[in-house]
Amino acid sequence: MGMSQRSLARIMNRAAFVIGALALLLAAGNWNASSNLRAQAAVQAPSVSATPDGVYFGTQVIGTTGGSRPVIQSVTLKNKGNAPLEISKIGLTGDFSQKSDCPTTLPAAASCKVDISFLPTVNGVRNGTLSFTDNAPDSPQEIMVQGTGMIFDLVHIHLLLNHFPIIGTIIGVGLFLIALLWKSEDLERAALVIFLAMALIALPTFMTGNAAQDAIKYLPGVSAGLLAAHQNAALLALVFMEITGAVAWFGLWEYRRNSKLGSVTLGVVLILSLITIGMMGNAGSLGGKIRHEEIMHDPDMTSTPISGVQGLGLDAVKIGVWVRGTKWVWPTLQTLHFMGLSLLLGVVFMVDLRLLGLMRNASYSAVHRLLPWGVMGFALNVLTGMCYWIAAPYQYTLNPVFYWKIMFIMAAGVNAIYLTLFDEPWSVQAGEAAPLRGKLIAASVVALWIGVIFCGIMLPFLGSAF
């Protein structure tokens, strides 16, 4: 009986071993079959790629698709797998439309194209998503689409303005040379006024250049290297133009103080104006080559060395990256900008309030002595403001409030020329009241600068750019 139990136990153990082995073999077979099926399914599945991975339009006027030459961006969809790609839907959101040549079934290794156009409906940055719904494992595939809407076309404003600093400076230099030869102080002063006016016009000319660049940089045949060279050359020309304008204003102020123009001032203005002509002409030449094939030495500008002075080390892109990426730079610029504004407005308001009837114990000429300090504050504001602009231009070009600020500054600059150039305010002596026209102009200057302050403060709150 004992032997029978042991035999039965051995038999049962062997049976359990055989059953376990069979179970392991069966599990291994099932796993191998499942792996083969998965591998086969992976081999047979479609695989999708979309190029590019993002679509970016430039700035376009609201309600248009790019003018007479509509801007179209294309996305190529390719089936890199070994099985047909079944496309059930191509969707596009936002202020964008698409036209596709993609079939319902895209064979393996085949590709198709989707053309996208941009029709902005409101001002500011507009975002959308291009999506493909299909039988690929990663469906739906999504691509970001972005463009910028503009209330009015800054490109046309840039084209309208960009000849003024060049031609105006040439006229100013010619008049200045004639004045020096004839020893005519009236002509010298007229030339200085032209230089000062061109310095004011050069500011919006440079600023609208960003919108012009953004509008054409995606067009076929436009060289990115030439755009960058033109921008850097324009920045260099702007620097010399603003310095020339500042020295020209100082010459006008010096004439009021001393009843004559200093020889040193005249020499500095002549040298600066000649350099400015060269820099402006160089920037204009590079800008003309961007879209004027008739003056290109080689139509393939992407492979042709770009001739001309390209900034002498001034690189707008690098300056912008430095301003945005360095922690202390932006706060420092804000501090300097506020200091310049305080200096400017403190002096301007004091001069204009004298014309409005305050501080009658002082003559206008005595108060006017402070104006060079106000100009120093304005120069500091221009320098720091241009750093802001270069670092983040679209915070300003996309905000209508900024346009009002620039218009107020330009108008206030014209009034400053009146207060410096004309005899009427200078005739106001201690204890005397200014004439009515002088009071109206002074009141307008105060109102314009209040408008500048208001628009500057409200930039982050009005509009959609910040």
Protein backbone atom coordinates (compact mmCIF):
# COMPACT_ATOMS: atom_id res chain seq x y z
CA MET A 1 0.00 0.00 0.00
CA GLY A 2 2.85 2.35 0.87
CA MET A 3 4.64 1.52 -2.39
CA SER A 4 1.45 2.23 -4.37
CA GLN A 5 1.10 5.68 -2.81
CA ARG A 6 4.69 6.57 -3.68
CA SER A 7 4.20 5.37 -7.23
CA LEU A 8 1.03 7.38 -7.53
CA ALA A 9 2.81 10.47 -6.21
CA ARG A 10 5.62 10.08 -8.77
CA ILE A 11 3.11 9.64 -11.57
CA MET A 12 1.22 12.75 -10.48
CA ASN A 13 4.42 14.79 -10.25
CA ARG A 14 5.47 13.71 -13.73
CA ALA A 15 2.03 14.55 -15.06
CA ALA A 16 2.17 17.99 -13.44
CA PHE A 17 5.59 18.55 -14.98
CA VAL A 18 4.37 17.57 -18.43
CA ILE A 19 1.28 19.74 -18.13
CA GLY A 20 3.41 22.74 -16.98
CA ALA A 21 5.83 22.26 -19.84
CA LEU A 22 2.98 22.08 -22.34
CA ALA A 23 1.47 25.25 -20.85
CA LEU A 24 4.78 27.09 -21.21
CA LEU A 25 5.16 25.93 -24.80
CA LEU A 26 1.63 27.03 -25.59
CA ALA A 27 2.16 30.46 -23.98
CA ALA A 28 5.41 30.92 -25.90
CA GLY A 29 3.68 30.04 -29.14
CA ASN A 30 0.86 32.45 -28.48
CA TRP A 31 3.36 35.26 -27.61
CA ASN A 32 5.38 34.56 -30.73
CA ALA A 33 2.26 34.59 -32.91
CA SER A 34 1.07 37.80 -31.28
CA SER A 35 4.48 39.40 -31.82
CA ASN A 36 4.45 38.37 -35.44
CA LEU A 37 0.98 39.81 -35.88
CA ARG A 38 2.03 43.07 -34.23
CA ALA A 39 5.16 43.28 -36.32
CA GLN A 40 3.18 42.56 -39.45
CA ALA A 41 0.62 45.20 -38.48
CA ALA A 42 3.41 47.73 -37.84
CA VAL A 43 4.94 47.03 -41.21
CA GLN A 44 1.60 47.44 -42.95
CA ALA A 45 0.54 50.64 -41.11
CA PRO A 46 0.89 54.03 -42.82
CA SER A 47 3.35 56.57 -41.41
CA VAL A 48 2.78 60.30 -41.92
CA SER A 49 5.15 63.28 -42.07
CA ALA A 50 4.18 66.91 -42.66
CA THR A 51 6.63 69.56 -43.87
CA PRO A 52 7.14 72.20 -42.55
CA ASP A 53 6.18 71.63 -38.93
CA GLY A 54 4.87 75.19 -38.63
CA VAL A 55 3.46 77.81 -41.02
CA TYR A 56 4.16 81.50 -40.41
CA PHE A 57 2.68 84.34 -42.44
CA GLY A 58 3.90 87.89 -42.38
CA THR A 59 1.89 91.02 -41.63
CA GLN A 60 -1.16 91.52 -43.82
CA VAL A 61 -3.83 94.21 -43.90
CA ILE A 62 -7.13 93.17 -42.34
CA GLY A 63 -9.54 91.82 -44.93
CA THR A 64 -6.88 91.04 -47.54
CA THR A 65 -4.84 87.98 -48.51
CA GLY A 66 -1.71 89.91 -49.38
CA GLY A 67 -2.76 92.41 -52.05
CA SER A 68 -2.31 91.83 -55.76
CA ARG A 69 0.04 88.93 -55.07
CA PRO A 70 -1.69 86.79 -52.43
CA VAL A 71 0.71 85.11 -50.05
CA ILE A 72 0.29 81.32 -50.02
CA GLN A 73 2.12 78.92 -47.73
CA SER A 74 2.20 75.20 -48.52
CA VAL A 75 2.36 72.08 -46.38
CA THR A 76 3.44 68.77 -47.90
CA LEU A 77 1.92 65.58 -46.47
CA LYS A 78 3.82 62.37 -47.17
CA ASN A 79 2.91 58.75 -46.49
CA LYS A 80 6.20 57.15 -45.45
CA GLY A 81 4.59 53.80 -44.52
CA ASN A 82 3.89 50.65 -46.55
CA ALA A 83 0.11 50.81 -46.34
CA PRO A 84 -2.34 53.30 -47.90
CA LEU A 85 -3.18 56.36 -45.84
CA GLU A 86 -6.92 56.86 -45.54
CA ILE A 87 -7.53 60.62 -45.07
CA SER A 88 -10.95 61.26 -43.61
CA LYS A 89 -10.64 65.00 -42.88
CA ILE A 90 -8.36 68.01 -43.38
CA GLY A 91 -9.28 70.80 -40.97
CA LEU A 92 -8.02 74.36 -40.54
CA THR A 93 -9.03 76.79 -37.79
CA GLY A 94 -8.56 80.54 -37.41
CA ASP A 95 -8.36 83.28 -40.04
CA PHE A 96 -6.99 80.84 -42.61
CA SER A 97 -8.29 78.86 -45.55
CA GLN A 98 -6.87 75.84 -47.35
CA LYS A 99 -6.98 74.23 -50.75
CA SER A 100 -5.73 70.66 -51.00
CA ASP A 101 -4.87 68.19 -53.74
CA CYS A 102 -4.80 65.31 -51.25
CA PRO A 103 -6.92 62.28 -52.28
CA THR A 104 -9.05 60.30 -49.90
CA THR A 105 -6.54 57.46 -50.14
CA LEU A 106 -2.87 58.39 -50.31
CA PRO A 107 -0.72 55.45 -51.52
CA ALA A 108 2.45 54.42 -49.72
CA ALA A 109 5.47 56.68 -50.45
CA ALA A 110 3.16 59.22 -52.13
CA SER A 111 2.71 62.86 -51.10
CA CYS A 112 0.20 65.66 -51.54
CA LYS A 113 0.08 69.38 -50.87
CA VAL A 114 -2.13 71.76 -48.91
CA ASP A 115 -2.03 75.47 -49.85
CA ILE A 116 -2.91 77.88 -47.04
CA SER A 117 -3.90 81.53 -47.36
CA PHE A 118 -4.32 84.11 -44.60
CA LEU A 119 -7.25 86.55 -44.34
CA PRO A 120 -6.96 88.42 -41.02
CA THR A 121 -10.19 89.70 -39.53
CA VAL A 122 -8.82 91.70 -36.59
CA ASN A 123 -5.61 93.48 -35.64
CA GLY A 124 -2.84 91.47 -34.00
CA VAL A 125 -1.38 87.97 -34.02
CA ARG A 126 -3.77 85.31 -35.35
CA ASN A 127 -3.28 81.60 -34.60
CA GLY A 128 -4.75 78.55 -36.26
CA THR A 129 -4.26 74.79 -36.53
CA LEU A 130 -4.02 72.61 -39.63
CA SER A 131 -5.05 69.04 -38.78
CA PHE A 132 -5.13 65.73 -40.67
CA THR A 133 -7.47 62.98 -39.51
CA ASP A 134 -6.50 59.57 -40.97
CA ASN A 135 -5.76 55.93 -40.15
CA ALA A 136 -2.15 56.55 -39.10
CA PRO A 137 -1.29 55.62 -35.49
CA ASP A 138 -0.61 59.24 -34.48
CA SER A 139 -3.79 60.68 -36.00
CA PRO A 140 -4.72 63.53 -35.93
CA GLN A 141 -1.50 65.26 -36.98
CA GLU A 142 -1.53 68.99 -36.15
CA ILE A 143 0.52 71.93 -37.45
CA MET A 144 0.46 75.43 -36.00
CA VAL A 145 -0.40 78.27 -38.40
CA GLN A 146 0.26 81.90 -37.48
CA GLY A 147 -0.07 85.32 -39.09
CA THR A 148 -0.43 88.95 -38.10
CA GLY A 149 -3.29 91.29 -38.99
CA MET A 150 -2.65 95.00 -39.51
CA ILE A 151 -5.20 97.83 -39.53
CA PHE A 152 -3.44 99.65 -42.36
CA ASP A 153 -0.52 98.82 -44.58
CA LEU A 154 2.73 99.99 -43.01
CA VAL A 155 4.55 98.71 -46.09
CA HIS A 156 3.11 101.55 -48.18
CA ILE A 157 3.98 104.07 -45.47
CA HIS A 158 7.56 102.77 -45.50
CA LEU A 159 7.72 103.08 -49.27
CA LEU A 160 6.30 106.59 -49.00
CA LEU A 161 8.77 107.72 -46.35
CA ASN A 162 12.01 105.95 -47.18
CA HIS A 163 13.09 108.44 -49.85
CA PHE A 164 12.66 111.49 -47.63
CA PRO A 165 15.72 110.99 -45.37
CA ILE A 166 17.91 110.27 -48.41
CA ILE A 167 16.73 113.05 -50.74
CA GLY A 168 16.15 115.48 -47.89
CA THR A 169 19.68 115.03 -46.54
CA ILE A 170 21.14 115.53 -50.03
CA ILE A 171 19.15 118.76 -50.40
CA GLY A 172 20.24 119.87 -46.93
CA VAL A 173 23.92 119.24 -47.68
CA GLY A 174 23.70 121.05 -51.00
CA LEU A 175 22.03 124.03 -49.38
CA PHE A 176 24.55 123.94 -46.53
CA LEU A 177 27.51 124.01 -48.95
CA ILE A 178 26.00 126.93 -50.86
CA ALA A 179 25.44 128.74 -47.55
CA LEU A 180 29.06 128.24 -46.54
CA LEU A 181 30.31 129.49 -49.90
CA TRP A 182 28.04 132.55 -49.84
CA LYS A 183 28.49 133.00 -46.09
CA SER A 184 24.72 133.23 -45.65
CA GLU A 185 23.54 132.53 -42.12
CA ASP A 186 19.93 132.40 -43.28
CA LEU A 187 20.73 129.54 -45.67
CA GLU A 188 22.81 127.85 -42.97
CA ARG A 189 19.88 127.95 -40.60
CA ALA A 190 17.55 126.65 -43.34
CA ALA A 191 19.91 123.70 -43.91
CA LEU A 192 19.97 122.98 -40.18
CA VAL A 193 16.18 122.94 -40.12
CA ILE A 194 16.19 120.42 -42.99
CA PHE A 195 18.62 118.17 -41.10
CA LEU A 196 16.46 118.35 -37.98
CA ALA A 197 13.30 117.58 -39.97
CA MET A 198 14.97 114.59 -41.66
CA ALA A 199 16.05 113.28 -38.25
CA LEU A 200 12.40 113.30 -37.16
CA ILE A 201 11.15 111.65 -40.37
CA ALA A 202 13.86 108.98 -40.18
CA LEU A 203 12.31 107.53 -37.01
CA PRO A 204 8.97 106.36 -38.50
CA THR A 205 10.82 105.42 -41.71
CA PHE A 206 12.98 102.93 -39.84
CA MET A 207 10.13 101.65 -37.71
CA THR A 208 7.84 100.88 -40.64
CA GLY A 209 10.70 98.94 -42.20
CA ASN A 210 10.01 96.04 -39.83
CA ALA A 211 6.49 95.66 -41.21
CA ALA A 212 7.78 95.91 -44.78
CA GLN A 213 10.37 93.23 -44.11
CA ASP A 214 7.84 90.95 -42.48
CA ALA A 215 5.43 91.33 -45.39
CA ILE A 216 7.88 90.20 -48.09
CA LYS A 217 10.33 87.87 -46.39
CA TYR A 218 8.25 84.79 -47.29
CA LEU A 219 7.87 85.70 -50.96
CA PRO A 220 9.86 83.65 -53.47
CA GLY A 221 13.12 85.20 -54.61
CA VAL A 222 13.55 87.42 -51.52
CA SER A 223 16.96 86.97 -49.93
CA ALA A 224 16.97 86.74 -46.13
CA GLY A 225 20.63 87.81 -46.12
CA LEU A 226 19.83 90.92 -48.14
CA LEU A 227 16.94 91.79 -45.81
CA ALA A 228 19.26 91.53 -42.79
CA ALA A 229 21.95 93.60 -44.53
CA HIS A 230 19.42 96.32 -45.39
CA GLN A 231 18.08 96.40 -41.83
CA ASN A 232 21.55 96.73 -40.30
CA ALA A 233 22.58 99.39 -42.83
CA ALA A 234 19.36 101.30 -42.11
CA LEU A 235 20.07 101.13 -38.36
CA LEU A 236 23.56 102.55 -38.93
CA ALA A 237 22.15 105.33 -41.15
CA LEU A 238 19.52 106.12 -38.50
CA VAL A 239 22.20 106.54 -35.83
CA PHE A 240 24.13 109.07 -37.94
CA MET A 241 20.93 110.83 -38.98
CA GLU A 242 19.80 111.32 -35.39
CA ILE A 243 23.23 112.58 -34.32
CA THR A 244 23.25 115.01 -37.26
CA GLY A 245 19.77 116.22 -36.33
CA ALA A 246 20.77 116.74 -32.69
CA VAL A 247 23.86 118.79 -33.63
CA ALA A 248 21.76 120.76 -36.13
CA TRP A 249 19.27 121.65 -33.40
CA PHE A 250 22.15 122.69 -31.15
CA GLY A 251 23.34 124.98 -33.94
CA LEU A 252 19.91 126.62 -34.10
CA TRP A 253 19.88 127.04 -30.33
CA GLU A 254 23.44 128.42 -30.42
CA TYR A 255 22.40 131.00 -33.02
CA ARG A 256 19.62 132.17 -30.68
CA ARG A 257 22.02 132.47 -27.77
CA ASN A 258 24.94 134.14 -29.58
CA SER A 259 23.28 135.63 -32.71
CA LYS A 260 25.63 133.59 -34.90
CA LEU A 261 26.52 130.01 -35.73
CA GLY A 262 29.74 128.67 -34.25
CA SER A 263 32.40 127.51 -36.69
CA VAL A 264 32.94 124.28 -34.75
CA THR A 265 29.24 123.46 -34.91
CA LEU A 266 29.16 124.16 -38.66
CA GLY A 267 32.17 121.91 -39.24
CA VAL A 268 30.71 119.06 -37.21
CA VAL A 269 27.36 119.33 -39.00
CA LEU A 270 29.08 119.29 -42.41
CA ILE A 271 31.11 116.17 -41.60
CA LEU A 272 28.16 114.35 -40.05
CA SER A 273 25.83 115.25 -42.92
CA LEU A 274 28.28 113.96 -45.53
CA ILE A 275 28.65 110.68 -43.64
CA THR A 276 24.88 110.48 -43.26
CA ILE A 277 24.40 110.86 -47.01
CA GLY A 278 26.72 107.91 -47.59
CA MET A 279 24.98 105.77 -44.98
CA MET A 280 21.50 106.65 -46.22
CA GLY A 281 22.46 106.00 -49.83
CA ASN A 282 23.97 102.66 -48.87
CA ALA A 283 20.83 101.60 -46.98
CA GLY A 284 18.63 102.71 -49.87
CA SER A 285 20.77 100.80 -52.39
CA LEU A 286 20.54 97.58 -50.39
CA GLY A 287 16.80 98.07 -49.93
CA GLY A 288 16.27 98.61 -53.64
CA LYS A 289 17.97 95.34 -54.50
CA ILE A 290 15.46 93.36 -52.43
CA ARG A 291 12.69 93.59 -55.02
CA HIS A 292 14.14 95.52 -57.96
CA GLU A 293 15.65 92.89 -60.23
CA GLU A 294 16.71 95.54 -62.75
CA ILE A 295 19.47 96.81 -60.44
CA MET A 296 20.69 93.41 -59.29
CA HIS A 297 24.04 92.23 -60.61
CA ASP A 298 22.81 88.69 -60.26
CA PRO A 299 19.15 87.65 -59.96
CA ASP A 300 20.15 84.87 -57.59
CA MET A 301 20.93 87.13 -54.64
CA THR A 302 21.02 84.20 -52.24
CA SER A 303 24.30 83.03 -53.76
CA THR A 304 25.76 86.43 -54.70
CA PRO A 305 27.95 88.28 -52.18
CA ILE A 306 26.07 91.32 -50.88
CA SER A 307 27.98 94.53 -51.59
CA GLY A 308 27.73 97.62 -49.41
CA VAL A 309 28.25 98.60 -45.80
CA GLN A 310 26.10 96.25 -43.74
CA GLY A 311 26.09 97.93 -40.35
CA LEU A 312 29.76 98.22 -39.34
CA GLY A 313 29.13 95.79 -36.49
CA LEU A 314 25.56 96.89 -35.76
CA ASP A 315 23.37 93.80 -35.94
CA ALA A 316 19.72 94.50 -35.17
CA VAL A 317 18.90 90.84 -34.51
CA LYS A 318 21.79 90.36 -32.08
CA ILE A 319 20.99 93.62 -30.31
CA GLY A 320 17.37 92.50 -29.91
CA VAL A 321 18.41 89.12 -28.52
CA TRP A 322 20.78 90.80 -26.07
CA VAL A 323 18.13 93.24 -24.86
CA ARG A 324 15.51 90.48 -24.43
CA GLY A 325 17.82 87.80 -23.08
CA THR A 326 19.93 89.74 -20.55
CA LYS A 327 18.12 90.19 -17.25
CA TRP A 328 19.43 93.62 -16.30
CA VAL A 329 19.20 95.31 -19.70
CA TRP A 330 15.44 95.84 -20.00
CA PRO A 331 15.00 97.23 -16.43
CA THR A 332 18.02 99.50 -16.97
CA LEU A 333 16.54 100.80 -20.21
CA GLN A 334 13.24 101.48 -18.45
CA THR A 335 15.03 103.47 -15.75
CA LEU A 336 16.99 105.52 -18.29
CA HIS A 337 13.85 106.04 -20.37
CA PHE A 338 11.99 107.42 -17.36
CA MET A 339 14.93 109.67 -16.46
CA GLY A 340 15.08 111.01 -20.01
CA LEU A 341 11.33 111.60 -20.05
CA SER A 342 11.48 113.46 -16.72
CA LEU A 343 14.32 115.66 -17.97
CA LEU A 344 12.58 116.34 -21.28
CA LEU A 345 9.15 117.13 -19.90
CA GLY A 346 10.48 119.13 -16.97
CA VAL A 347 12.28 121.52 -19.32
CA VAL A 348 9.59 121.60 -22.03
CA PHE A 349 6.81 122.29 -19.58
CA MET A 350 8.84 125.04 -17.90
CA VAL A 351 9.47 126.79 -21.24
CA ASP A 352 5.89 126.45 -22.44
CA LEU A 353 4.35 127.43 -19.13
CA ARG A 354 6.39 130.64 -19.28
CA LEU A 355 4.69 131.46 -22.59
CA LEU A 356 1.33 130.63 -21.03
CA GLY A 357 1.87 133.30 -18.37
CA LEU A 358 3.64 131.60 -15.47
CA MET A 359 7.03 132.76 -14.14
CA ARG A 360 6.66 136.23 -15.65
CA ASN A 361 9.68 137.50 -13.75
CA ALA A 362 11.90 135.60 -16.20
CA SER A 363 12.29 136.34 -19.89
CA TYR A 364 11.68 133.62 -22.47
CA SER A 365 15.33 133.66 -23.51
CA ALA A 366 16.43 133.02 -19.92
CA VAL A 367 14.15 130.00 -19.57
CA HIS A 368 15.13 128.80 -23.04
CA ARG A 369 18.69 128.22 -21.79
CA LEU A 370 17.43 124.99 -20.26
CA LEU A 371 16.37 123.51 -23.61
CA PRO A 372 19.67 121.66 -24.26
CA TRP A 373 18.92 119.60 -21.18
CA GLY A 374 15.51 118.80 -22.57
CA VAL A 375 17.09 117.72 -25.85
CA MET A 376 19.48 115.48 -23.92
CA GLY A 377 16.45 113.86 -22.31
CA PHE A 378 14.81 113.41 -25.71
CA ALA A 379 17.98 111.84 -27.11
CA LEU A 380 18.06 109.42 -24.17
CA ASN A 381 14.43 108.53 -24.83
CA VAL A 382 15.12 107.92 -28.53
CA LEU A 383 18.10 105.68 -27.73
CA THR A 384 16.28 103.57 -25.15
CA GLY A 385 13.07 103.54 -27.19
CA MET A 386 14.86 102.20 -30.25
CA CYS A 387 16.38 99.45 -28.09
CA TYR A 388 12.83 98.47 -27.06
CA TRP A 389 11.78 98.55 -30.69
CA ILE A 390 14.64 96.38 -31.95
CA ALA A 391 14.06 93.87 -29.16
CA ALA A 392 10.29 93.47 -29.67
CA PRO A 393 9.05 95.41 -32.73
CA TYR A 394 5.69 93.63 -32.94
CA GLN A 395 4.70 94.88 -29.51
CA TYR A 396 4.54 98.30 -31.16
CA THR A 397 3.77 97.84 -34.88
CA LEU A 398 0.63 95.87 -33.98
CA ASN A 399 -0.66 98.45 -31.52
CA PRO A 400 -2.56 101.49 -32.91
CA VAL A 401 -1.85 103.40 -29.68
CA PHE A 402 1.82 103.43 -30.60
CA TYR A 403 1.03 105.16 -33.90
CA TRP A 404 -0.69 107.93 -31.99
CA LYS A 405 2.34 108.25 -29.74
CA ILE A 406 4.66 108.65 -32.73
CA MET A 407 2.35 111.22 -34.36
CA PHE A 408 2.23 113.23 -31.13
CA ILE A 409 6.05 113.15 -30.89
CA MET A 410 6.42 114.30 -34.51
CA ALA A 411 3.98 117.17 -34.00
CA ALA A 412 5.69 118.18 -30.76
CA GLY A 413 9.03 118.15 -32.61
CA VAL A 414 7.65 120.58 -35.20
CA ASN A 415 6.51 122.88 -32.40
CA ALA A 416 10.00 122.71 -30.88
CA ILE A 417 11.40 123.98 -34.19
CA TYR A 418 9.01 126.94 -34.01
CA LEU A 419 9.99 127.80 -30.45
CA THR A 420 13.67 127.73 -31.43
CA LEU A 421 13.59 129.28 -34.89
CA PHE A 422 11.01 132.07 -34.89
CA ASP A 423 11.52 135.50 -33.35
CA GLU A 424 8.09 135.84 -31.79
CA PRO A 425 8.63 133.91 -28.54
CA TRP A 426 12.10 135.41 -28.11
CA SER A 427 10.67 138.90 -27.94
CA VAL A 428 8.95 138.09 -24.64
CA GLN A 429 10.86 139.91 -21.91
CA ALA A 430 10.60 139.67 -18.13
CA GLY A 431 7.18 140.81 -16.96
CA GLU A 432 5.64 140.63 -20.44
CA ALA A 433 2.93 138.32 -21.69
CA ALA A 434 3.42 136.20 -24.77
CA PRO A 435 1.33 136.93 -27.89
CA LEU A 436 -1.77 134.85 -28.50
CA ARG A 437 -0.17 132.68 -31.19
CA GLY A 438 2.74 131.87 -28.87
CA LYS A 439 0.30 130.87 -26.13
CA LEU A 440 -1.68 128.63 -28.48
CA ILE A 441 1.48 126.90 -29.68
CA ALA A 442 2.75 126.45 -26.11
CA ALA A 443 -0.61 124.99 -25.06
CA SER A 444 -0.53 122.59 -28.02
CA VAL A 445 2.98 121.43 -27.07
CA VAL A 446 1.85 120.71 -23.52
CA ALA A 447 -1.19 118.82 -24.82
CA LEU A 448 0.91 116.83 -27.29
CA TRP A 449 3.40 115.71 -24.66
CA ILE A 450 0.57 114.75 -22.32
CA GLY A 451 -0.72 112.64 -25.22
CA VAL A 452 2.71 111.05 -25.59
CA ILE A 453 2.77 110.17 -21.90
CA PHE A 454 -0.77 108.78 -21.98
CA CYS A 455 -0.13 106.60 -25.04
CA GLY A 456 3.16 105.34 -23.61
CA ILE A 457 1.54 104.32 -20.34
CA MET A 458 -1.47 102.71 -22.04
CA LEU A 459 0.51 100.64 -24.57
CA PRO A 460 0.19 97.42 -22.51
CA PHE A 461 -3.53 97.97 -21.88
CA LEU A 462 -4.91 99.20 -25.21
CA GLY A 463 -4.54 97.22 -28.40
CA SER A 464 -3.62 93.55 -28.67
CA ALA A 465 0.15 93.53 -29.08
CA PHE A 466 1.38 93.18 -25.47
